[in-house]
Amino acid sequence: MRRDDSSPQAYRDDVDGEQREMLEVIRDVIFELAPDSEEIIEYGMLGYPGLANLAAHKHYVALYVTPEVLAKHRDRLSGADCGKSCVRFRRAEQIELEPIRDLLRDVRSARSE
């Protein structure tokens, strides 16, 4: 599904319903852990340089991170579907905040080394 990617705000405004809710929950965690993070449009999705990307697709919301760090956290994200470098959430109840926080903390740590 093609979203309006002229700005981060336009992208978010173009997402409706449960996907919007899921996008905002994950986005809040990103800014909780990296309050100084810049939000940009990167590869047609929301980008947080040096940390992650976030996208609303037709049937899910995906959080994209480095594959090496995701591999270490895959077992803690049992409610979601994990790819090589993304975590896909089809329903809001699949989003477990603490494992996502730990994942993003490790991404930040790995990128700062």
PDB file of N, CA and C in Angstrom:
ATOM      1  N   MET A   1       0.846  -1.173   0.000  1.00  0.00           N
ATOM      2  CA  MET A   1       0.000   0.000   0.000  1.00  0.00           C
ATOM      3  C   MET A   1       0.891   1.237   0.000  1.00  0.00           C
ATOM      4  N   ARG A   2       0.680   2.121  -0.930  1.00  0.00           N
ATOM      5  CA  ARG A   2       1.476   3.336  -1.060  1.00  0.00           C
ATOM      6  C   ARG A   2       0.915   4.419  -0.149  1.00  0.00           C
ATOM      7  N   ARG A   3       1.773   4.969   0.684  1.00  0.00           N
ATOM      8  CA  ARG A   3       1.386   6.029   1.611  1.00  0.00           C
ATOM      9  C   ARG A   3       1.927   7.360   1.115  1.00  0.00           C
ATOM     10  N   ASP A   4       1.347   8.443   1.611  1.00  0.00           N
ATOM     11  CA  ASP A   4       1.865   9.781   1.323  1.00  0.00           C
ATOM     12  C   ASP A   4       3.163   9.939   2.098  1.00  0.00           C
ATOM     13  N   ASP A   5       4.268  10.000   1.381  1.00  0.00           N
ATOM     14  CA  ASP A   5       5.557  10.089   2.059  1.00  0.00           C
ATOM     15  C   ASP A   5       6.228  11.444   1.861  1.00  0.00           C
ATOM     16  N   SER A   6       5.418  12.504   1.736  1.00  0.00           N
ATOM     17  CA  SER A   6       5.992  13.835   1.563  1.00  0.00           C
ATOM     18  C   SER A   6       6.592  14.373   2.863  1.00  0.00           C
ATOM     19  N   SER A   7       6.129  13.875   3.992  1.00  0.00           N
ATOM     20  CA  SER A   7       6.689  14.246   5.297  1.00  0.00           C
ATOM     21  C   SER A   7       6.269  13.182   6.309  1.00  0.00           C
ATOM     22  N   PRO A   8       6.994  13.098   7.434  1.00  0.00           N
ATOM     23  CA  PRO A   8       6.580  12.132   8.463  1.00  0.00           C
ATOM     24  C   PRO A   8       5.139  12.355   8.945  1.00  0.00           C
ATOM     25  N   GLN A   9       4.752  13.601   9.099  1.00  0.00           N
ATOM     26  CA  GLN A   9       3.390  13.899   9.551  1.00  0.00           C
ATOM     27  C   GLN A   9       2.359  13.449   8.515  1.00  0.00           C
ATOM     28  N   ALA A  10       2.632  13.715   7.247  1.00  0.00           N
ATOM     29  CA  ALA A  10       1.714  13.294   6.182  1.00  0.00           C
ATOM     30  C   ALA A  10       1.606  11.773   6.154  1.00  0.00           C
ATOM     31  N   TYR A  11       2.711  11.092   6.324  1.00  0.00           N
ATOM     32  CA  TYR A  11       2.705   9.621   6.361  1.00  0.00           C
ATOM     33  C   TYR A  11       1.807   9.137   7.489  1.00  0.00           C
ATOM     34  N   ARG A  12       2.013   9.675   8.695  1.00  0.00           N
ATOM     35  CA  ARG A  12       1.225   9.237   9.854  1.00  0.00           C
ATOM     36  C   ARG A  12      -0.252   9.577   9.686  1.00  0.00           C
ATOM     37  N   ASP A  13      -0.538  10.747   9.106  1.00  0.00           N
ATOM     38  CA  ASP A  13      -1.929  11.147   8.888  1.00  0.00           C
ATOM     39  C   ASP A  13      -2.641  10.229   7.899  1.00  0.00           C
ATOM     40  N   ASP A  14      -1.868   9.555   7.051  1.00  0.00           N
ATOM     41  CA  ASP A  14      -2.430   8.694   6.024  1.00  0.00           C
ATOM     42  C   ASP A  14      -2.740   7.288   6.536  1.00  0.00           C
ATOM     43  N   VAL A  15      -2.388   7.003   7.777  1.00  0.00           N
ATOM     44  CA  VAL A  15      -2.617   5.682   8.370  1.00  0.00           C
ATOM     45  C   VAL A  15      -3.850   5.763   9.278  1.00  0.00           C
ATOM     46  N   ASP A  16      -4.741   4.784   9.134  1.00  0.00           N
ATOM     47  CA  ASP A  16      -5.999   4.794   9.882  1.00  0.00           C
ATOM     48  C   ASP A  16      -6.132   3.626  10.843  1.00  0.00           C
ATOM     49  N   GLY A  17      -7.104   3.729  11.717  1.00  0.00           N
ATOM     50  CA  GLY A  17      -7.552   2.632  12.568  1.00  0.00           C
ATOM     51  C   GLY A  17      -6.495   2.011  13.449  1.00  0.00           C
ATOM     52  N   GLU A  18      -6.551   0.678  13.541  1.00  0.00           N
ATOM     53  CA  GLU A  18      -5.653  -0.055  14.425  1.00  0.00           C
ATOM     54  C   GLU A  18      -4.193   0.105  13.995  1.00  0.00           C
ATOM     55  N   GLN A  19      -3.964   0.215  12.689  1.00  0.00           N
ATOM     56  CA  GLN A  19      -2.586   0.414  12.232  1.00  0.00           C
ATOM     57  C   GLN A  19      -2.031   1.736  12.753  1.00  0.00           C
ATOM     58  N   ARG A  20      -2.836   2.759  12.764  1.00  0.00           N
ATOM     59  CA  ARG A  20      -2.406   4.067  13.280  1.00  0.00           C
ATOM     60  C   ARG A  20      -2.046   3.944  14.759  1.00  0.00           C
ATOM     61  N   GLU A  21      -2.894   3.248  15.485  1.00  0.00           N
ATOM     62  CA  GLU A  21      -2.673   3.016  16.912  1.00  0.00           C
ATOM     63  C   GLU A  21      -1.344   2.273  17.139  1.00  0.00           C
ATOM     64  N   MET A  22      -1.104   1.218  16.369  1.00  0.00           N
ATOM     65  CA  MET A  22       0.124   0.436  16.516  1.00  0.00           C
ATOM     66  C   MET A  22       1.346   1.269  16.143  1.00  0.00           C
ATOM     67  N   LEU A  23       1.242   2.025  15.060  1.00  0.00           N
ATOM     68  CA  LEU A  23       2.327   2.887  14.618  1.00  0.00           C
ATOM     69  C   LEU A  23       2.700   3.888  15.714  1.00  0.00           C
ATOM     70  N   GLU A  24       1.691   4.489  16.320  1.00  0.00           N
ATOM     71  CA  GLU A  24       1.930   5.500  17.357  1.00  0.00           C
ATOM     72  C   GLU A  24       2.522   4.889  18.627  1.00  0.00           C
ATOM     73  N   VAL A  25       2.083   3.689  18.998  1.00  0.00           N
ATOM     74  CA  VAL A  25       2.627   3.022  20.189  1.00  0.00           C
ATOM     75  C   VAL A  25       4.122   2.756  20.006  1.00  0.00           C
ATOM     76  N   ILE A  26       4.490   2.213  18.859  1.00  0.00           N
ATOM     77  CA  ILE A  26       5.905   1.912  18.599  1.00  0.00           C
ATOM     78  C   ILE A  26       6.707   3.201  18.469  1.00  0.00           C
ATOM     79  N   ARG A  27       6.144   4.177  17.816  1.00  0.00           N
ATOM     80  CA  ARG A  27       6.798   5.485  17.676  1.00  0.00           C
ATOM     81  C   ARG A  27       7.043   6.118  19.050  1.00  0.00           C
ATOM     82  N   ASP A  28       6.092   6.008  19.946  1.00  0.00           N
ATOM     83  CA  ASP A  28       6.262   6.538  21.310  1.00  0.00           C
ATOM     84  C   ASP A  28       7.441   5.866  22.016  1.00  0.00           C
ATOM     85  N   VAL A  29       7.601   4.559  21.829  1.00  0.00           N
ATOM     86  CA  VAL A  29       8.726   3.844  22.436  1.00  0.00           C
ATOM     87  C   VAL A  29      10.044   4.343  21.851  1.00  0.00           C
ATOM     88  N   ILE A  30      10.066   4.562  20.545  1.00  0.00           N
ATOM     89  CA  ILE A  30      11.280   5.085  19.903  1.00  0.00           C
ATOM     90  C   ILE A  30      11.677   6.416  20.520  1.00  0.00           C
ATOM     91  N   PHE A  31      10.717   7.332  20.651  1.00  0.00           N
ATOM     92  CA  PHE A  31      11.038   8.651  21.214  1.00  0.00           C
ATOM     93  C   PHE A  31      11.275   8.613  22.724  1.00  0.00           C
ATOM     94  N   GLU A  32      10.718   7.628  23.400  1.00  0.00           N
ATOM     95  CA  GLU A  32      10.997   7.442  24.823  1.00  0.00           C
ATOM     96  C   GLU A  32      12.480   7.100  25.015  1.00  0.00           C
ATOM     97  N   LEU A  33      13.000   6.219  24.151  1.00  0.00           N
ATOM     98  CA  LEU A  33      14.388   5.773  24.269  1.00  0.00           C
ATOM     99  C   LEU A  33      15.380   6.701  23.587  1.00  0.00           C
ATOM    100  N   ALA A  34      14.911   7.423  22.588  1.00  0.00           N
ATOM    101  CA  ALA A  34      15.795   8.330  21.839  1.00  0.00           C
ATOM    102  C   ALA A  34      15.049   9.643  21.595  1.00  0.00           C
ATOM    103  N   PRO A  35      14.844  10.438  22.656  1.00  0.00           N
ATOM    104  CA  PRO A  35      14.037  11.649  22.522  1.00  0.00           C
ATOM    105  C   PRO A  35      14.604  12.669  21.540  1.00  0.00           C
ATOM    106  N   ASP A  36      15.891  12.584  21.288  1.00  0.00           N
ATOM    107  CA  ASP A  36      16.526  13.516  20.357  1.00  0.00           C
ATOM    108  C   ASP A  36      16.552  12.992  18.925  1.00  0.00           C
ATOM    109  N   SER A  37      15.924  11.846  18.698  1.00  0.00           N
ATOM    110  CA  SER A  37      15.922  11.226  17.373  1.00  0.00           C
ATOM    111  C   SER A  37      15.172  12.080  16.368  1.00  0.00           C
ATOM    112  N   GLU A  38      15.722  12.161  15.178  1.00  0.00           N
ATOM    113  CA  GLU A  38      15.072  12.863  14.084  1.00  0.00           C
ATOM    114  C   GLU A  38      14.131  11.881  13.386  1.00  0.00           C
ATOM    115  N   GLU A  39      12.953  12.350  13.007  1.00  0.00           N
ATOM    116  CA  GLU A  39      12.007  11.515  12.269  1.00  0.00           C
ATOM    117  C   GLU A  39      12.007  11.993  10.817  1.00  0.00           C
ATOM    118  N   ILE A  40      12.335  11.076   9.908  1.00  0.00           N
ATOM    119  CA  ILE A  40      12.424  11.415   8.490  1.00  0.00           C
ATOM    120  C   ILE A  40      11.650  10.387   7.663  1.00  0.00           C
ATOM    121  N   ILE A  41      11.530  10.661   6.394  1.00  0.00           N
ATOM    122  CA  ILE A  41      11.017   9.663   5.456  1.00  0.00           C
ATOM    123  C   ILE A  41      12.237   9.031   4.798  1.00  0.00           C
ATOM    124  N   GLU A  42      12.326   7.712   4.908  1.00  0.00           N
ATOM    125  CA  GLU A  42      13.461   6.971   4.379  1.00  0.00           C
ATOM    126  C   GLU A  42      12.933   5.677   3.772  1.00  0.00           C
ATOM    127  N   TYR A  43      13.240   5.435   2.512  1.00  0.00           N
ATOM    128  CA  TYR A  43      12.766   4.232   1.811  1.00  0.00           C
ATOM    129  C   TYR A  43      11.236   4.128   1.817  1.00  0.00           C
ATOM    130  N   GLY A  44      10.553   5.252   1.796  1.00  0.00           N
ATOM    131  CA  GLY A  44       9.094   5.239   1.763  1.00  0.00           C
ATOM    132  C   GLY A  44       8.437   4.908   3.090  1.00  0.00           C
ATOM    133  N   MET A  45       9.180   5.022   4.177  1.00  0.00           N
ATOM    134  CA  MET A  45       8.628   4.745   5.505  1.00  0.00           C
ATOM    135  C   MET A  45       9.210   5.739   6.505  1.00  0.00           C
ATOM    136  N   LEU A  46       8.734   5.684   7.734  1.00  0.00           N
ATOM    137  CA  LEU A  46       9.285   6.547   8.775  1.00  0.00           C
ATOM    138  C   LEU A  46      10.675   6.046   9.144  1.00  0.00           C
ATOM    139  N   GLY A  47      11.621   6.959   9.210  1.00  0.00           N
ATOM    140  CA  GLY A  47      12.984   6.583   9.545  1.00  0.00           C
ATOM    141  C   GLY A  47      13.477   7.331  10.768  1.00  0.00           C
ATOM    142  N   TYR A  48      14.254   6.652  11.560  1.00  0.00           N
ATOM    143  CA  TYR A  48      14.872   7.199  12.763  1.00  0.00           C
ATOM    144  C   TYR A  48      16.355   6.865  12.634  1.00  0.00           C
ATOM    145  N   PRO A  49      17.125   7.762  12.010  1.00  0.00           N
ATOM    146  CA  PRO A  49      18.518   7.463  11.656  1.00  0.00           C
ATOM    147  C   PRO A  49      19.328   6.878  12.809  1.00  0.00           C
ATOM    148  N   GLY A  50      20.031   5.797  12.487  1.00  0.00           N
ATOM    149  CA  GLY A  50      20.865   5.119  13.465  1.00  0.00           C
ATOM    150  C   GLY A  50      20.106   4.218  14.419  1.00  0.00           C
ATOM    151  N   LEU A  51      18.787   4.120  14.245  1.00  0.00           N
ATOM    152  CA  LEU A  51      17.997   3.319  15.176  1.00  0.00           C
ATOM    153  C   LEU A  51      17.086   2.321  14.459  1.00  0.00           C
ATOM    154  N   ALA A  52      16.112   2.815  13.714  1.00  0.00           N
ATOM    155  CA  ALA A  52      15.113   1.916  13.133  1.00  0.00           C
ATOM    156  C   ALA A  52      14.328   2.612  12.025  1.00  0.00           C
ATOM    157  N   ASN A  53      13.513   1.828  11.352  1.00  0.00           N
ATOM    158  CA  ASN A  53      12.507   2.330  10.422  1.00  0.00           C
ATOM    159  C   ASN A  53      11.182   1.717  10.839  1.00  0.00           C
ATOM    160  N   LEU A  54      10.101   2.395  10.494  1.00  0.00           N
ATOM    161  CA  LEU A  54       8.771   1.969  10.904  1.00  0.00           C
ATOM    162  C   LEU A  54       7.830   2.176   9.728  1.00  0.00           C
ATOM    163  N   ALA A  55       7.038   1.159   9.405  1.00  0.00           N
ATOM    164  CA  ALA A  55       6.150   1.260   8.246  1.00  0.00           C
ATOM    165  C   ALA A  55       4.799   0.616   8.510  1.00  0.00           C
ATOM    166  N   ALA A  56       3.775   1.225   7.940  1.00  0.00           N
ATOM    167  CA  ALA A  56       2.435   0.639   7.940  1.00  0.00           C
ATOM    168  C   ALA A  56       2.213   0.031   6.563  1.00  0.00           C
ATOM    169  N   HIS A  57       2.038  -1.263   6.522  1.00  0.00           N
ATOM    170  CA  HIS A  57       1.775  -1.973   5.280  1.00  0.00           C
ATOM    171  C   HIS A  57       0.288  -2.313   5.225  1.00  0.00           C
ATOM    172  N   LYS A  58      -0.124  -3.003   4.192  1.00  0.00           N
ATOM    173  CA  LYS A  58      -1.548  -3.292   4.017  1.00  0.00           C
ATOM    174  C   LYS A  58      -2.156  -4.075   5.175  1.00  0.00           C
ATOM    175  N   HIS A  59      -1.425  -5.087   5.688  1.00  0.00           N
ATOM    176  CA  HIS A  59      -1.993  -5.954   6.724  1.00  0.00           C
ATOM    177  C   HIS A  59      -1.211  -5.956   8.036  1.00  0.00           C
ATOM    178  N   TYR A  60      -0.203  -5.126   8.149  1.00  0.00           N
ATOM    179  CA  TYR A  60       0.601  -5.120   9.366  1.00  0.00           C
ATOM    180  C   TYR A  60       1.438  -3.850   9.465  1.00  0.00           C
ATOM    181  N   VAL A  61       1.991  -3.656  10.647  1.00  0.00           N
ATOM    182  CA  VAL A  61       2.967  -2.583  10.897  1.00  0.00           C
ATOM    183  C   VAL A  61       4.287  -3.277  11.150  1.00  0.00           C
ATOM    184  N   ALA A  62       5.360  -2.754  10.548  1.00  0.00           N
ATOM    185  CA  ALA A  62       6.667  -3.391  10.684  1.00  0.00           C
ATOM    186  C   ALA A  62       7.692  -2.431  11.264  1.00  0.00           C
ATOM    187  N   LEU A  63       8.492  -2.965  12.160  1.00  0.00           N
ATOM    188  CA  LEU A  63       9.626  -2.256  12.745  1.00  0.00           C
ATOM    189  C   LEU A  63      10.877  -2.900  12.164  1.00  0.00           C
ATOM    190  N   TYR A  64      11.715  -2.101  11.496  1.00  0.00           N
ATOM    191  CA  TYR A  64      12.927  -2.599  10.850  1.00  0.00           C
ATOM    192  C   TYR A  64      14.149  -2.192  11.660  1.00  0.00           C
ATOM    193  N   VAL A  65      14.991  -3.166  11.976  1.00  0.00           N
ATOM    194  CA  VAL A  65      16.217  -2.933  12.741  1.00  0.00           C
ATOM    195  C   VAL A  65      17.340  -3.769  12.129  1.00  0.00           C
ATOM    196  N   THR A  66      18.516  -3.687  12.707  1.00  0.00           N
ATOM    197  CA  THR A  66      19.642  -4.462  12.185  1.00  0.00           C
ATOM    198  C   THR A  66      19.411  -5.957  12.430  1.00  0.00           C
ATOM    199  N   PRO A  67      19.702  -6.782  11.424  1.00  0.00           N
ATOM    200  CA  PRO A  67      19.449  -8.226  11.549  1.00  0.00           C
ATOM    201  C   PRO A  67      20.189  -8.883  12.712  1.00  0.00           C
ATOM    202  N   GLU A  68      21.414  -8.471  12.970  1.00  0.00           N
ATOM    203  CA  GLU A  68      22.204  -9.088  14.042  1.00  0.00           C
ATOM    204  C   GLU A  68      21.564  -8.884  15.410  1.00  0.00           C
ATOM    205  N   VAL A  69      21.062  -7.689  15.649  1.00  0.00           N
ATOM    206  CA  VAL A  69      20.427  -7.405  16.941  1.00  0.00           C
ATOM    207  C   VAL A  69      19.072  -8.106  17.026  1.00  0.00           C
ATOM    208  N   LEU A  70      18.307  -8.087  15.946  1.00  0.00           N
ATOM    209  CA  LEU A  70      17.007  -8.757  15.956  1.00  0.00           C
ATOM    210  C   LEU A  70      17.163 -10.247  16.248  1.00  0.00           C
ATOM    211  N   ALA A  71      18.189 -10.864  15.704  1.00  0.00           N
ATOM    212  CA  ALA A  71      18.418 -12.302  15.929  1.00  0.00           C
ATOM    213  C   ALA A  71      18.549 -12.613  17.412  1.00  0.00           C
ATOM    214  N   LYS A  72      19.138 -11.707  18.181  1.00  0.00           N
ATOM    215  CA  LYS A  72      19.315 -11.909  19.618  1.00  0.00           C
ATOM    216  C   LYS A  72      18.003 -11.780  20.395  1.00  0.00           C
ATOM    217  N   HIS A  73      17.020 -11.101  19.820  1.00  0.00           N
ATOM    218  CA  HIS A  73      15.762 -10.819  20.532  1.00  0.00           C
ATOM    219  C   HIS A  73      14.565 -11.590  19.987  1.00  0.00           C
ATOM    220  N   ARG A  74      14.766 -12.323  18.940  1.00  0.00           N
ATOM    221  CA  ARG A  74      13.671 -13.022  18.255  1.00  0.00           C
ATOM    222  C   ARG A  74      12.804 -13.851  19.206  1.00  0.00           C
ATOM    223  N   ASP A  75      13.415 -14.558  20.137  1.00  0.00           N
ATOM    224  CA  ASP A  75      12.650 -15.425  21.050  1.00  0.00           C
ATOM    225  C   ASP A  75      11.763 -14.636  22.003  1.00  0.00           C
ATOM    226  N   ARG A  76      12.100 -13.383  22.286  1.00  0.00           N
ATOM    227  CA  ARG A  76      11.282 -12.559  23.190  1.00  0.00           C
ATOM    228  C   ARG A  76      10.122 -11.882  22.465  1.00  0.00           C
ATOM    229  N   LEU A  77      10.111 -11.963  21.141  1.00  0.00           N
ATOM    230  CA  LEU A  77       9.065 -11.326  20.342  1.00  0.00           C
ATOM    231  C   LEU A  77       8.117 -12.383  19.787  1.00  0.00           C
ATOM    232  N   SER A  78       7.748 -13.322  20.619  1.00  0.00           N
ATOM    233  CA  SER A  78       6.969 -14.482  20.187  1.00  0.00           C
ATOM    234  C   SER A  78       5.580 -14.130  19.672  1.00  0.00           C
ATOM    235  N   GLY A  79       5.019 -13.018  20.097  1.00  0.00           N
ATOM    236  CA  GLY A  79       3.682 -12.635  19.643  1.00  0.00           C
ATOM    237  C   GLY A  79       3.671 -12.047  18.252  1.00  0.00           C
ATOM    238  N   ALA A  80       4.845 -11.717  17.725  1.00  0.00           N
ATOM    239  CA  ALA A  80       4.941 -11.080  16.412  1.00  0.00           C
ATOM    240  C   ALA A  80       5.629 -12.015  15.426  1.00  0.00           C
ATOM    241  N   ASP A  81       5.542 -11.652  14.174  1.00  0.00           N
ATOM    242  CA  ASP A  81       6.186 -12.400  13.097  1.00  0.00           C
ATOM    243  C   ASP A  81       7.498 -11.688  12.761  1.00  0.00           C
ATOM    244  N   CYS A  82       8.608 -12.398  12.867  1.00  0.00           N
ATOM    245  CA  CYS A  82       9.913 -11.792  12.612  1.00  0.00           C
ATOM    246  C   CYS A  82      10.486 -12.254  11.283  1.00  0.00           C
ATOM    247  N   GLY A  83      10.998 -11.307  10.529  1.00  0.00           N
ATOM    248  CA  GLY A  83      11.759 -11.593   9.325  1.00  0.00           C
ATOM    249  C   GLY A  83      13.236 -11.459   9.652  1.00  0.00           C
ATOM    250  N   LYS A  84      14.061 -11.313   8.632  1.00  0.00           N
ATOM    251  CA  LYS A  84      15.500 -11.177   8.851  1.00  0.00           C
ATOM    252  C   LYS A  84      15.829  -9.882   9.592  1.00  0.00           C
ATOM    253  N   SER A  85      15.159  -8.794   9.214  1.00  0.00           N
ATOM    254  CA  SER A  85      15.459  -7.510   9.846  1.00  0.00           C
ATOM    255  C   SER A  85      14.207  -6.754  10.263  1.00  0.00           C
ATOM    256  N   CYS A  86      13.072  -7.428  10.322  1.00  0.00           N
ATOM    257  CA  CYS A  86      11.853  -6.718  10.715  1.00  0.00           C
ATOM    258  C   CYS A  86      11.005  -7.543  11.665  1.00  0.00           C
ATOM    259  N   VAL A  87      10.208  -6.819  12.436  1.00  0.00           N
ATOM    260  CA  VAL A  87       9.213  -7.421  13.320  1.00  0.00           C
ATOM    261  C   VAL A  87       7.866  -6.935  12.809  1.00  0.00           C
ATOM    262  N   ARG A  88       6.986  -7.861  12.451  1.00  0.00           N
ATOM    263  CA  ARG A  88       5.681  -7.514  11.894  1.00  0.00           C
ATOM    264  C   ARG A  88       4.592  -7.740  12.940  1.00  0.00           C
ATOM    265  N   PHE A  89       3.763  -6.719  13.104  1.00  0.00           N
ATOM    266  CA  PHE A  89       2.650  -6.770  14.045  1.00  0.00           C
ATOM    267  C   PHE A  89       1.346  -6.656  13.260  1.00  0.00           C
ATOM    268  N   ARG A  90       0.501  -7.672  13.350  1.00  0.00           N
ATOM    269  CA  ARG A  90      -0.787  -7.658  12.642  1.00  0.00           C
ATOM    270  C   ARG A  90      -1.913  -7.116  13.521  1.00  0.00           C
ATOM    271  N   ARG A  91      -1.751  -7.235  14.843  1.00  0.00           N
ATOM    272  CA  ARG A  91      -2.763  -6.760  15.786  1.00  0.00           C
ATOM    273  C   ARG A  91      -2.069  -6.039  16.947  1.00  0.00           C
ATOM    274  N   ALA A  92      -2.759  -5.090  17.527  1.00  0.00           N
ATOM    275  CA  ALA A  92      -2.188  -4.286  18.605  1.00  0.00           C
ATOM    276  C   ALA A  92      -1.761  -5.141  19.801  1.00  0.00           C
ATOM    277  N   GLU A  93      -2.496  -6.197  20.089  1.00  0.00           N
ATOM    278  CA  GLU A  93      -2.161  -7.022  21.261  1.00  0.00           C
ATOM    279  C   GLU A  93      -0.857  -7.796  21.079  1.00  0.00           C
ATOM    280  N   GLN A  94      -0.307  -7.835  19.886  1.00  0.00           N
ATOM    281  CA  GLN A  94       0.983  -8.492  19.654  1.00  0.00           C
ATOM    282  C   GLN A  94       2.162  -7.620  20.097  1.00  0.00           C
ATOM    283  N   ILE A  95       1.907  -6.358  20.322  1.00  0.00           N
ATOM    284  CA  ILE A  95       2.981  -5.432  20.681  1.00  0.00           C
ATOM    285  C   ILE A  95       3.258  -5.531  22.175  1.00  0.00           C
ATOM    286  N   GLU A  96       4.408  -6.084  22.507  1.00  0.00           N
ATOM    287  CA  GLU A  96       4.851  -6.169  23.894  1.00  0.00           C
ATOM    288  C   GLU A  96       5.943  -5.114  24.069  1.00  0.00           C
ATOM    289  N   LEU A  97       5.674  -4.137  24.910  1.00  0.00           N
ATOM    290  CA  LEU A  97       6.546  -2.963  24.995  1.00  0.00           C
ATOM    291  C   LEU A  97       7.946  -3.253  25.532  1.00  0.00           C
ATOM    292  N   GLU A  98       8.058  -4.061  26.553  1.00  0.00           N
ATOM    293  CA  GLU A  98       9.385  -4.284  27.147  1.00  0.00           C
ATOM    294  C   GLU A  98      10.357  -4.966  26.187  1.00  0.00           C
ATOM    295  N   PRO A  99       9.950  -6.020  25.477  1.00  0.00           N
ATOM    296  CA  PRO A  99      10.875  -6.596  24.491  1.00  0.00           C
ATOM    297  C   PRO A  99      11.262  -5.607  23.382  1.00  0.00           C
ATOM    298  N   ILE A 100      10.322  -4.746  22.984  1.00  0.00           N
ATOM    299  CA  ILE A 100      10.651  -3.745  21.964  1.00  0.00           C
ATOM    300  C   ILE A 100      11.636  -2.727  22.521  1.00  0.00           C
ATOM    301  N   ARG A 101      11.436  -2.310  23.749  1.00  0.00           N
ATOM    302  CA  ARG A 101      12.400  -1.386  24.389  1.00  0.00           C
ATOM    303  C   ARG A 101      13.796  -2.007  24.436  1.00  0.00           C
ATOM    304  N   ASP A 102      13.869  -3.264  24.871  1.00  0.00           N
ATOM    305  CA  ASP A 102      15.166  -3.940  24.954  1.00  0.00           C
ATOM    306  C   ASP A 102      15.815  -4.063  23.581  1.00  0.00           C
ATOM    307  N   LEU A 103      15.023  -4.394  22.578  1.00  0.00           N
ATOM    308  CA  LEU A 103      15.525  -4.500  21.214  1.00  0.00           C
ATOM    309  C   LEU A 103      16.113  -3.165  20.756  1.00  0.00           C
ATOM    310  N   LEU A 104      15.374  -2.093  20.939  1.00  0.00           N
ATOM    311  CA  LEU A 104      15.840  -0.783  20.486  1.00  0.00           C
ATOM    312  C   LEU A 104      17.041  -0.289  21.300  1.00  0.00           C
ATOM    313  N   ARG A 105      17.082  -0.616  22.580  1.00  0.00           N
ATOM    314  CA  ARG A 105      18.267  -0.271  23.387  1.00  0.00           C
ATOM    315  C   ARG A 105      19.506  -0.950  22.824  1.00  0.00           C
ATOM    316  N   ASP A 106      19.354  -2.218  22.468  1.00  0.00           N
ATOM    317  CA  ASP A 106      20.491  -2.957  21.917  1.00  0.00           C
ATOM    318  C   ASP A 106      20.899  -2.437  20.540  1.00  0.00           C
ATOM    319  N   VAL A 107      19.937  -2.016  19.750  1.00  0.00           N
ATOM    320  CA  VAL A 107      20.272  -1.417  18.447  1.00  0.00           C
ATOM    321  C   VAL A 107      21.088  -0.151  18.666  1.00  0.00           C
ATOM    322  N   ARG A 108      20.645   0.695  19.568  1.00  0.00           N
ATOM    323  CA  ARG A 108      21.390   1.930  19.879  1.00  0.00           C
ATOM    324  C   ARG A 108      22.803   1.617  20.366  1.00  0.00           C
ATOM    325  N   SER A 109      22.897   0.653  21.245  1.00  0.00           N
ATOM    326  CA  SER A 109      24.191   0.266  21.791  1.00  0.00           C
ATOM    327  C   SER A 109      25.114  -0.268  20.698  1.00  0.00           C
ATOM    328  N   ALA A 110      24.585  -1.127  19.836  1.00  0.00           N
ATOM    329  CA  ALA A 110      25.393  -1.716  18.755  1.00  0.00           C
ATOM    330  C   ALA A 110      25.835  -0.653  17.755  1.00  0.00           C
ATOM    331  N   ARG A 111      25.006   0.333  17.503  1.00  0.00           N
ATOM    332  CA  ARG A 111      25.356   1.388  16.550  1.00  0.00           C
ATOM    333  C   ARG A 111      26.367   2.373  17.127  1.00  0.00           C
ATOM    334  N   SER A 112      26.448   2.471  18.446  1.00  0.00           N
ATOM    335  CA  SER A 112      27.375   3.432  19.049  1.00  0.00           C
ATOM    336  C   SER A 112      28.760   2.830  19.289  1.00  0.00           C
ATOM    337  N   GLU A 113      28.895   1.529  19.077  1.00  0.00           N
ATOM    338  CA  GLU A 113      30.195   0.867  19.310  1.00  0.00           C
ATOM    339  C   GLU A 113      31.179   1.185  18.205  1.00  0.00           C
TER     340      GLU A 113
END
